[in-house]
């Protein structure tokens, strides 16, 4: 079990970044993609909010903060 999880803040492109890391670095994958269930301030239903991914075996979370 990892002791740390890296949390990265993105301007609406967390999923694209995670896909890039997964293609570029060994032992890297994209896990869960959490989407907005409905309209919320500044966003719409289905927008990606959080992406869980691994880069070189290190767990990461990407947040679309804007």
N, C-alpha and C. Protein backbone atom coordinates (compact mmCIF):
# COMPACT_ATOMS: atom_id res chain seq x y z
N UNK A 1 0.84 -1.19 0.00
CA UNK A 1 0.00 0.00 0.00
C UNK A 1 0.88 1.25 0.00
N UNK A 2 0.54 2.20 -0.85
CA UNK A 2 1.31 3.43 -0.95
C UNK A 2 1.12 4.29 0.29
N UNK A 3 2.18 4.97 0.67
CA UNK A 3 2.10 5.86 1.82
C UNK A 3 1.56 7.23 1.44
N UNK A 4 1.75 7.62 0.19
CA UNK A 4 1.34 8.95 -0.25
C UNK A 4 0.59 8.87 -1.57
N UNK A 5 -0.29 9.80 -1.77
CA UNK A 5 -0.98 9.97 -3.04
C UNK A 5 -0.74 11.40 -3.49
N UNK A 6 -0.28 11.56 -4.71
CA UNK A 6 -0.03 12.88 -5.24
C UNK A 6 -1.35 13.46 -5.75
N UNK A 7 -1.64 14.69 -5.40
CA UNK A 7 -2.86 15.36 -5.84
C UNK A 7 -2.46 16.54 -6.72
N UNK A 8 -2.96 16.53 -7.95
CA UNK A 8 -2.64 17.58 -8.91
C UNK A 8 -3.90 18.34 -9.31
N UNK A 9 -3.79 19.64 -9.43
CA UNK A 9 -4.91 20.51 -9.76
C UNK A 9 -4.79 20.89 -11.24
N UNK A 10 -5.85 20.71 -11.99
CA UNK A 10 -5.85 21.01 -13.42
C UNK A 10 -6.92 22.03 -13.76
N UNK A 11 -6.75 22.66 -14.91
CA UNK A 11 -7.72 23.61 -15.41
C UNK A 11 -8.58 22.92 -16.47
N UNK A 12 -9.41 21.99 -16.04
CA UNK A 12 -10.37 21.28 -16.88
C UNK A 12 -9.78 20.21 -17.80
N UNK A 13 -8.52 19.79 -17.60
CA UNK A 13 -7.96 18.77 -18.49
C UNK A 13 -7.29 17.62 -17.72
N UNK A 14 -7.81 17.30 -16.55
CA UNK A 14 -7.23 16.22 -15.74
C UNK A 14 -7.29 14.87 -16.44
N UNK A 15 -8.41 14.58 -17.10
CA UNK A 15 -8.53 13.29 -17.77
C UNK A 15 -7.54 13.18 -18.93
N UNK A 16 -7.39 14.22 -19.70
CA UNK A 16 -6.44 14.21 -20.81
C UNK A 16 -5.01 14.05 -20.30
N UNK A 17 -4.68 14.72 -19.21
CA UNK A 17 -3.35 14.61 -18.63
C UNK A 17 -3.09 13.19 -18.15
N UNK A 18 -4.06 12.59 -17.46
CA UNK A 18 -3.90 11.22 -16.97
C UNK A 18 -3.70 10.25 -18.13
N UNK A 19 -4.45 10.44 -19.22
CA UNK A 19 -4.28 9.58 -20.40
C UNK A 19 -2.89 9.74 -20.98
N UNK A 20 -2.38 10.96 -21.02
CA UNK A 20 -1.03 11.21 -21.52
C UNK A 20 0.01 10.50 -20.67
N UNK A 21 -0.10 10.63 -19.34
CA UNK A 21 0.85 9.97 -18.45
C UNK A 21 0.81 8.46 -18.63
N UNK A 22 -0.38 7.91 -18.77
CA UNK A 22 -0.54 6.46 -18.92
C UNK A 22 0.12 5.96 -20.20
N UNK A 23 0.10 6.76 -21.25
CA UNK A 23 0.71 6.37 -22.53
C UNK A 23 2.23 6.59 -22.52
N UNK A 24 2.70 7.52 -21.70
CA UNK A 24 4.10 7.94 -21.74
C UNK A 24 5.01 7.18 -20.78
N UNK A 25 4.52 6.88 -19.59
CA UNK A 25 5.37 6.30 -18.56
C UNK A 25 5.01 4.85 -18.28
N UNK A 26 6.03 4.00 -18.01
CA UNK A 26 5.73 2.59 -17.69
C UNK A 26 5.01 2.48 -16.35
N UNK A 27 4.31 1.39 -16.15
CA UNK A 27 3.57 1.12 -14.91
C UNK A 27 2.63 2.28 -14.56
N UNK A 28 1.94 2.79 -15.59
CA UNK A 28 1.02 3.91 -15.41
C UNK A 28 -0.34 3.55 -16.00
N UNK A 29 -1.40 3.88 -15.29
CA UNK A 29 -2.76 3.57 -15.74
C UNK A 29 -3.72 4.66 -15.30
N UNK A 30 -4.86 4.69 -15.97
CA UNK A 30 -5.95 5.57 -15.56
C UNK A 30 -6.99 4.70 -14.87
N UNK A 31 -7.40 5.09 -13.69
CA UNK A 31 -8.40 4.33 -12.94
C UNK A 31 -9.77 4.98 -13.07
N UNK A 32 -10.36 5.30 -11.95
CA UNK A 32 -11.71 5.85 -11.92
C UNK A 32 -11.75 7.29 -12.40
N UNK A 33 -12.80 7.60 -13.13
CA UNK A 33 -13.08 8.97 -13.56
C UNK A 33 -14.42 9.35 -12.95
N UNK A 34 -14.42 10.33 -12.06
CA UNK A 34 -15.62 10.75 -11.37
C UNK A 34 -16.21 11.97 -12.08
N UNK A 35 -17.47 11.84 -12.48
CA UNK A 35 -18.14 12.89 -13.24
C UNK A 35 -19.26 13.52 -12.41
N UNK A 36 -19.58 14.74 -12.74
CA UNK A 36 -20.64 15.46 -12.04
C UNK A 36 -21.98 14.78 -12.31
N UNK A 37 -22.77 14.51 -11.27
CA UNK A 37 -24.06 13.85 -11.46
C UNK A 37 -25.14 14.78 -11.99
N UNK A 38 -24.97 16.07 -11.86
CA UNK A 38 -25.98 17.03 -12.31
C UNK A 38 -25.36 18.40 -12.41
N UNK A 39 -26.16 19.39 -12.80
CA UNK A 39 -25.64 20.75 -12.88
C UNK A 39 -25.15 21.20 -11.51
N UNK A 40 -24.07 21.94 -11.51
CA UNK A 40 -23.52 22.50 -10.30
C UNK A 40 -22.92 23.85 -10.67
N UNK A 41 -22.63 24.72 -9.72
CA UNK A 41 -22.10 26.04 -10.05
C UNK A 41 -20.83 25.93 -10.90
N UNK A 42 -20.85 26.50 -12.07
CA UNK A 42 -19.68 26.52 -12.93
C UNK A 42 -19.50 25.27 -13.79
N UNK A 43 -20.44 24.36 -13.78
CA UNK A 43 -20.28 23.14 -14.56
C UNK A 43 -21.59 22.51 -14.95
N UNK A 44 -21.49 21.39 -15.65
CA UNK A 44 -22.69 20.71 -16.12
C UNK A 44 -22.58 19.21 -15.85
N UNK A 45 -23.70 18.55 -15.94
CA UNK A 45 -23.76 17.11 -15.74
C UNK A 45 -22.79 16.42 -16.69
N UNK A 46 -22.02 15.48 -16.15
CA UNK A 46 -21.08 14.70 -16.95
C UNK A 46 -19.67 15.25 -17.01
N UNK A 47 -19.48 16.50 -16.57
CA UNK A 47 -18.12 17.05 -16.57
C UNK A 47 -17.24 16.24 -15.62
N UNK A 48 -16.00 16.04 -16.02
CA UNK A 48 -15.04 15.31 -15.18
C UNK A 48 -14.64 16.18 -14.01
N UNK A 49 -14.78 15.65 -12.80
CA UNK A 49 -14.39 16.36 -11.59
C UNK A 49 -13.06 15.86 -11.06
N UNK A 50 -12.93 14.54 -10.93
CA UNK A 50 -11.73 13.93 -10.34
C UNK A 50 -11.33 12.71 -11.17
N UNK A 51 -10.01 12.52 -11.36
CA UNK A 51 -9.48 11.36 -12.06
C UNK A 51 -8.46 10.69 -11.16
N UNK A 52 -8.62 9.38 -10.97
CA UNK A 52 -7.64 8.60 -10.22
C UNK A 52 -6.74 7.90 -11.22
N UNK A 53 -5.42 8.04 -11.05
CA UNK A 53 -4.49 7.42 -11.97
C UNK A 53 -3.19 7.08 -11.26
N UNK A 54 -2.35 6.31 -11.93
CA UNK A 54 -1.06 5.89 -11.39
C UNK A 54 0.02 6.25 -12.39
N UNK A 55 1.12 6.85 -11.92
CA UNK A 55 2.25 7.19 -12.77
C UNK A 55 3.49 6.51 -12.21
N UNK A 56 4.06 5.62 -12.98
CA UNK A 56 5.24 4.86 -12.55
C UNK A 56 5.00 4.18 -11.19
N UNK A 57 3.79 3.67 -11.01
CA UNK A 57 3.45 2.98 -9.79
C UNK A 57 3.05 3.86 -8.62
N UNK A 58 3.09 5.18 -8.82
CA UNK A 58 2.74 6.11 -7.74
C UNK A 58 1.29 6.56 -7.93
N UNK A 59 0.43 6.38 -6.91
CA UNK A 59 -0.97 6.77 -7.05
C UNK A 59 -1.12 8.29 -7.08
N UNK A 60 -2.01 8.75 -7.96
CA UNK A 60 -2.24 10.18 -8.14
C UNK A 60 -3.75 10.45 -8.25
N UNK A 61 -4.11 11.67 -7.93
CA UNK A 61 -5.48 12.14 -8.12
C UNK A 61 -5.38 13.46 -8.84
N UNK A 62 -6.16 13.62 -9.91
CA UNK A 62 -6.23 14.87 -10.64
C UNK A 62 -7.58 15.51 -10.39
N UNK A 63 -7.58 16.77 -10.01
CA UNK A 63 -8.81 17.51 -9.74
C UNK A 63 -8.95 18.61 -10.78
N UNK A 64 -10.11 18.67 -11.42
CA UNK A 64 -10.41 19.75 -12.35
C UNK A 64 -10.95 20.92 -11.55
N UNK A 65 -10.05 21.80 -11.16
CA UNK A 65 -10.44 22.93 -10.32
C UNK A 65 -10.79 24.18 -11.09
N UNK A 66 -10.33 24.27 -12.31
CA UNK A 66 -10.58 25.47 -13.09
C UNK A 66 -9.62 26.57 -12.75
